[in-house]
Amino acid sequence: MVGRIEPQALSNAISRVAFAAATEDSRPVLTGIKVEITGDSFTFAGADGFRLAVFTGKLVEAIPEDLSFIVPARALQEVGRLIGHQEQPIEFTVTPSKGQALFRLDNVELVTQLIQGTFPNYSQLVPQAYDTRAVVDLKKFLGAARTASIFARDGSGIIRIQVAAGTEDAEGKLSILSRAEEVGENQGEIDARVKGPEAKIAFNGRYLSDVLDVLDEAEVALETTTPSSPGVLRPIGNDQYVHVVMPMFVQW
């Protein structure tokens, strides 16, 4: 079965999902990206047990049958590197046994073995509701997260996020805190449009920076429920992508 996908759509899907796949082989299915195709819609999902990235997009045209397979994240990352400035749609073919996939680019054909196994039901892992939602400037959030991560290196990589609701006279605030035993404490603060009550959550700083680094929208929303529930990041103005990060358990 042959499908065709625009280079930019495939490039976006790979860059926003592949980094979330596991790099260790203890659970081989998690080193792959789950690909699901229905009609002309496709979904890529990657997870490593601590985070989940899901990207949805469109094929050039619909395919006649639903298709589902797990492709190694490294193979997809290689496809992403090969796309370059290609303008023509990229063809992909999956063998009837779902043992291999072929990606056909302008000057290259890449064949990869597919991963056999059962991928987690990722749709159940995406929270469907939130108590607090903070919308912030992406670049400011990324800058604050990177700075906090430097301080957090000596503290298990933990950064703490506190969301303060706004008032009639002032916007809400999102505070990013981290601590280093010998250096001290770092706190960054950025303006946020907050919906809901005050909230607290802690993340592994690298996981937060990783996802903010692949987004190119102007703003991003952080959705939280409780300090022990997953946090959800969604780029504003783009409903194709959602990223879930498991919280770190800390003493507040």
Protein backbone atom coordinates (compact mmCIF):
# COMPACT_ATOMS: atom_id res chain seq x y z
CA MET A 1 0.00 0.00 0.00
CA VAL A 2 1.45 3.35 -1.08
CA GLY A 3 0.85 6.65 0.67
CA ARG A 4 2.09 10.13 -0.21
CA ILE A 5 2.86 12.96 2.18
CA GLU A 6 4.09 16.51 1.69
CA PRO A 7 7.73 16.99 2.80
CA GLN A 8 6.93 19.80 5.24
CA ALA A 9 4.13 17.82 6.90
CA LEU A 10 6.42 14.81 7.37
CA SER A 11 9.30 16.96 8.58
CA ASN A 12 7.07 18.64 11.18
CA ALA A 13 5.70 15.31 12.38
CA ILE A 14 9.17 13.79 12.76
CA SER A 15 10.74 16.79 14.52
CA ARG A 16 7.91 17.08 17.04
CA VAL A 17 7.52 13.40 17.88
CA ALA A 18 10.70 11.37 17.32
CA PHE A 19 12.68 12.94 20.20
CA ALA A 20 10.09 11.63 22.67
CA ALA A 21 10.76 7.99 21.78
CA ALA A 22 12.83 5.85 24.14
CA THR A 23 16.53 5.38 23.39
CA GLU A 24 16.96 2.25 25.52
CA ASP A 25 15.87 -1.16 24.24
CA SER A 26 14.28 -2.41 27.47
CA ARG A 27 10.86 -1.93 25.83
CA PRO A 28 11.52 -2.09 22.07
CA VAL A 29 8.09 -0.75 21.03
CA LEU A 30 8.89 2.53 22.81
CA THR A 31 11.95 3.06 20.59
CA GLY A 32 9.51 3.35 17.70
CA ILE A 33 6.90 5.80 16.50
CA LYS A 34 3.33 4.55 16.23
CA VAL A 35 1.89 5.55 12.86
CA GLU A 36 -1.87 5.36 12.29
CA ILE A 37 -3.52 6.27 9.01
CA THR A 38 -7.25 6.54 8.35
CA GLY A 39 -8.34 7.93 4.99
CA ASP A 40 -6.18 11.00 4.42
CA SER A 41 -5.38 11.58 8.12
CA PHE A 42 -2.25 10.38 9.83
CA THR A 43 -1.11 10.35 13.47
CA PHE A 44 2.44 9.94 14.78
CA ALA A 45 2.90 9.11 18.48
CA GLY A 46 6.11 8.73 20.45
CA ALA A 47 6.54 7.91 24.16
CA ASP A 48 9.30 6.82 26.51
CA GLY A 49 7.33 6.30 29.72
CA PHE A 50 7.98 9.85 30.96
CA ARG A 51 6.53 11.89 28.10
CA LEU A 52 4.24 11.50 25.11
CA ALA A 53 4.16 13.44 21.84
CA VAL A 54 1.26 13.18 19.37
CA PHE A 55 1.13 14.89 15.96
CA THR A 56 -1.76 14.68 13.48
CA GLY A 57 -1.72 15.72 9.85
CA LYS A 58 -2.96 15.03 6.33
CA LEU A 59 -1.73 12.87 3.47
CA VAL A 60 -1.76 14.14 -0.13
CA GLU A 61 -4.69 11.81 -0.78
CA ALA A 62 -6.61 9.17 1.11
CA ILE A 63 -5.54 5.54 1.13
CA PRO A 64 -8.23 2.85 0.74
CA GLU A 65 -7.55 0.92 3.97
CA ASP A 66 -6.70 1.90 7.54
CA LEU A 67 -3.05 1.30 8.34
CA SER A 68 -1.16 1.01 11.63
CA PHE A 69 2.51 0.19 12.24
CA ILE A 70 5.52 1.04 14.44
CA VAL A 71 8.57 2.47 12.69
CA PRO A 72 11.93 2.92 14.48
CA ALA A 73 12.37 6.53 15.60
CA ARG A 74 15.97 6.51 14.35
CA ALA A 75 14.82 5.56 10.86
CA LEU A 76 12.30 8.40 10.83
CA GLN A 77 14.94 10.84 12.06
CA GLU A 78 17.12 9.75 9.15
CA VAL A 79 14.21 10.39 6.76
CA GLY A 80 13.85 13.82 8.35
CA ARG A 81 17.50 14.60 7.66
CA LEU A 82 17.15 13.46 4.05
CA ILE A 83 14.09 15.60 3.28
CA GLY A 84 16.17 18.77 2.93
CA HIS A 85 14.60 21.08 0.36
CA GLN A 86 12.53 18.42 -1.37
CA GLU A 87 9.34 19.80 -2.87
CA GLN A 88 7.70 16.67 -4.30
CA PRO A 89 5.57 14.47 -2.00
CA ILE A 90 7.38 11.61 -0.30
CA GLU A 91 6.07 8.13 -1.01
CA PHE A 92 5.98 5.44 1.64
CA THR A 93 5.09 1.78 1.26
CA VAL A 94 4.44 -0.85 3.92
CA THR A 95 4.79 -4.51 3.04
CA PRO A 96 1.63 -6.65 3.39
CA SER A 97 3.19 -8.48 6.35
CA LYS A 98 3.98 -5.11 7.98
CA GLY A 99 7.57 -6.28 8.31
CA GLN A 100 9.19 -3.40 6.41
CA ALA A 101 8.53 0.14 5.26
CA LEU A 102 10.06 1.98 2.30
CA PHE A 103 10.37 5.78 2.10
CA ARG A 104 11.04 7.11 -1.41
CA LEU A 105 12.54 10.60 -1.64
CA ASP A 106 13.93 12.48 -4.67
CA ASN A 107 17.31 10.75 -4.77
CA VAL A 108 17.12 8.21 -1.96
CA GLU A 109 15.11 5.17 -1.00
CA LEU A 110 15.24 4.20 2.67
CA VAL A 111 14.06 0.77 3.81
CA THR A 112 13.55 -0.01 7.49
CA GLN A 113 12.39 -2.98 9.50
CA LEU A 114 9.20 -2.26 11.41
CA ILE A 115 8.90 -2.98 15.14
CA GLN A 116 6.52 -5.73 16.14
CA GLY A 117 4.55 -5.44 19.37
CA THR A 118 1.76 -3.52 21.04
CA PHE A 119 2.21 0.21 21.46
CA PRO A 120 0.56 1.77 24.54
CA ASN A 121 -2.93 3.20 24.02
CA TYR A 122 -1.63 6.77 23.90
CA SER A 123 -5.07 8.40 23.51
CA GLN A 124 -5.87 7.31 27.08
CA LEU A 125 -2.72 9.06 28.32
CA VAL A 126 -3.73 12.53 27.11
CA PRO A 127 -5.74 14.30 29.84
CA GLN A 128 -9.08 15.46 28.49
CA ALA A 129 -9.59 18.24 31.04
CA TYR A 130 -7.57 20.64 33.16
CA ASP A 131 -8.04 22.81 36.23
CA THR A 132 -5.51 25.51 35.34
CA ARG A 133 -4.33 26.74 31.95
CA ALA A 134 -1.50 29.25 31.50
CA VAL A 135 -0.73 30.73 28.06
CA VAL A 136 2.78 32.18 27.79
CA ASP A 137 5.24 33.50 25.24
CA LEU A 138 7.13 30.49 23.85
CA LYS A 139 10.57 32.11 23.59
CA LYS A 140 10.40 33.53 27.11
CA PHE A 141 9.27 30.16 28.50
CA LEU A 142 12.07 28.34 26.68
CA GLY A 143 14.67 30.84 27.88
CA ALA A 144 13.49 30.54 31.49
CA ALA A 145 13.38 26.74 31.27
CA ARG A 146 16.93 26.56 29.89
CA THR A 147 18.27 28.83 32.61
CA ALA A 148 16.45 26.85 35.28
CA SER A 149 17.83 23.60 33.87
CA ILE A 150 21.40 24.83 34.36
CA PHE A 151 20.74 25.36 38.06
CA ALA A 152 18.81 22.10 38.26
CA ARG A 153 21.70 19.90 37.12
CA ASP A 154 22.74 19.32 40.73
CA GLY A 155 19.16 18.79 41.84
CA SER A 156 18.12 15.75 39.78
CA GLY A 157 17.21 18.06 36.92
CA ILE A 158 14.03 19.17 38.70
CA ILE A 159 12.43 22.50 37.91
CA ARG A 160 9.34 23.68 39.74
CA ILE A 161 6.60 25.67 38.05
CA GLN A 162 4.07 27.78 39.90
CA VAL A 163 1.12 29.42 38.17
CA ALA A 164 -0.45 32.45 39.80
CA ALA A 165 -3.83 33.68 38.63
CA GLY A 166 -4.13 37.28 37.53
CA THR A 167 -6.30 40.08 38.89
CA GLU A 168 -8.40 42.72 37.21
CA ASP A 169 -5.35 45.00 37.15
CA ALA A 170 -2.56 42.55 36.32
CA GLU A 171 -1.85 39.47 34.24
CA GLY A 172 -1.13 36.15 35.82
CA LYS A 173 2.40 34.89 36.32
CA LEU A 174 4.25 31.68 35.62
CA SER A 175 7.28 31.18 37.87
CA ILE A 176 10.06 28.70 37.07
CA LEU A 177 12.25 27.72 40.02
CA SER A 178 15.28 25.48 40.40
CA ARG A 179 17.91 24.90 43.07
CA ALA A 180 21.57 23.97 43.10
CA GLU A 181 23.19 22.99 46.40
CA GLU A 182 26.37 25.00 45.90
CA VAL A 183 25.09 27.78 43.64
CA GLY A 184 21.75 28.66 45.16
CA GLU A 185 18.27 29.17 43.81
CA ASN A 186 17.14 30.46 40.45
CA GLN A 187 13.70 31.91 39.81
CA GLY A 188 12.37 33.19 36.51
CA GLU A 189 9.00 34.83 36.07
CA ILE A 190 7.01 35.44 32.90
CA ASP A 191 3.58 36.92 32.23
CA ALA A 192 0.80 34.45 31.61
CA ARG A 193 -2.88 34.51 30.70
CA VAL A 194 -4.23 32.23 33.38
CA LYS A 195 -7.54 30.42 33.46
CA GLY A 196 -8.31 28.62 36.70
CA PRO A 197 -6.80 28.60 40.21
CA GLU A 198 -3.16 28.76 41.26
CA ALA A 199 -1.22 25.62 40.40
CA LYS A 200 2.09 23.86 41.07
CA ILE A 201 3.90 21.18 39.10
CA ALA A 202 7.50 19.99 38.75
CA PHE A 203 9.18 18.60 35.65
CA ASN A 204 12.48 17.17 34.54
CA GLY A 205 14.01 20.31 33.03
CA ARG A 206 15.35 18.52 29.97
CA TYR A 207 11.94 17.13 29.07
CA LEU A 208 10.40 20.60 29.25
CA SER A 209 13.19 22.23 27.21
CA ASP A 210 13.07 19.44 24.61
CA VAL A 211 9.45 20.08 23.69
CA LEU A 212 9.63 23.88 23.83
CA ASP A 213 12.67 23.68 21.54
CA VAL A 214 10.77 21.99 18.67
CA LEU A 215 7.81 24.37 18.68
CA ASP A 216 7.76 27.44 16.43
CA GLU A 217 4.48 29.06 17.40
CA ALA A 218 4.49 32.38 19.26
CA GLU A 219 2.69 31.07 22.35
CA VAL A 220 2.22 27.79 24.18
CA ALA A 221 -0.33 26.67 26.76
CA LEU A 222 0.53 24.67 29.88
CA GLU A 223 -2.44 22.74 31.26
CA THR A 224 -2.33 21.22 34.75
CA THR A 225 -4.68 19.45 37.15
CA THR A 226 -2.74 18.50 40.29
CA PRO A 227 1.00 18.41 41.14
CA SER A 228 0.89 14.63 40.72
CA SER A 229 -0.99 14.62 37.40
CA PRO A 230 0.63 14.90 33.95
CA GLY A 231 1.16 18.37 32.50
CA VAL A 232 0.03 19.08 28.95
CA LEU A 233 1.67 21.49 26.49
CA ARG A 234 -0.18 22.71 23.42
CA PRO A 235 1.04 25.29 20.88
CA ILE A 236 -1.49 28.11 20.52
CA GLY A 237 -3.11 28.30 17.09
CA ASN A 238 -2.11 24.76 16.15
CA ASP A 239 -4.31 21.84 17.15
CA GLN A 240 -2.14 19.27 15.35
CA TYR A 241 0.19 18.71 18.29
CA VAL A 242 -0.06 17.81 21.96
CA HIS A 243 2.72 16.90 24.38
CA VAL A 244 2.26 15.25 27.77
CA VAL A 245 4.97 15.28 30.46
CA MET A 246 4.85 13.23 33.64
CA PRO A 247 5.44 15.28 36.80
CA MET A 248 8.33 14.91 39.23
CA PHE A 249 7.33 14.36 42.85
CA VAL A 250 8.91 17.02 45.06
CA GLN A 251 8.54 18.61 48.46
CA TRP A 252 6.94 22.01 48.10
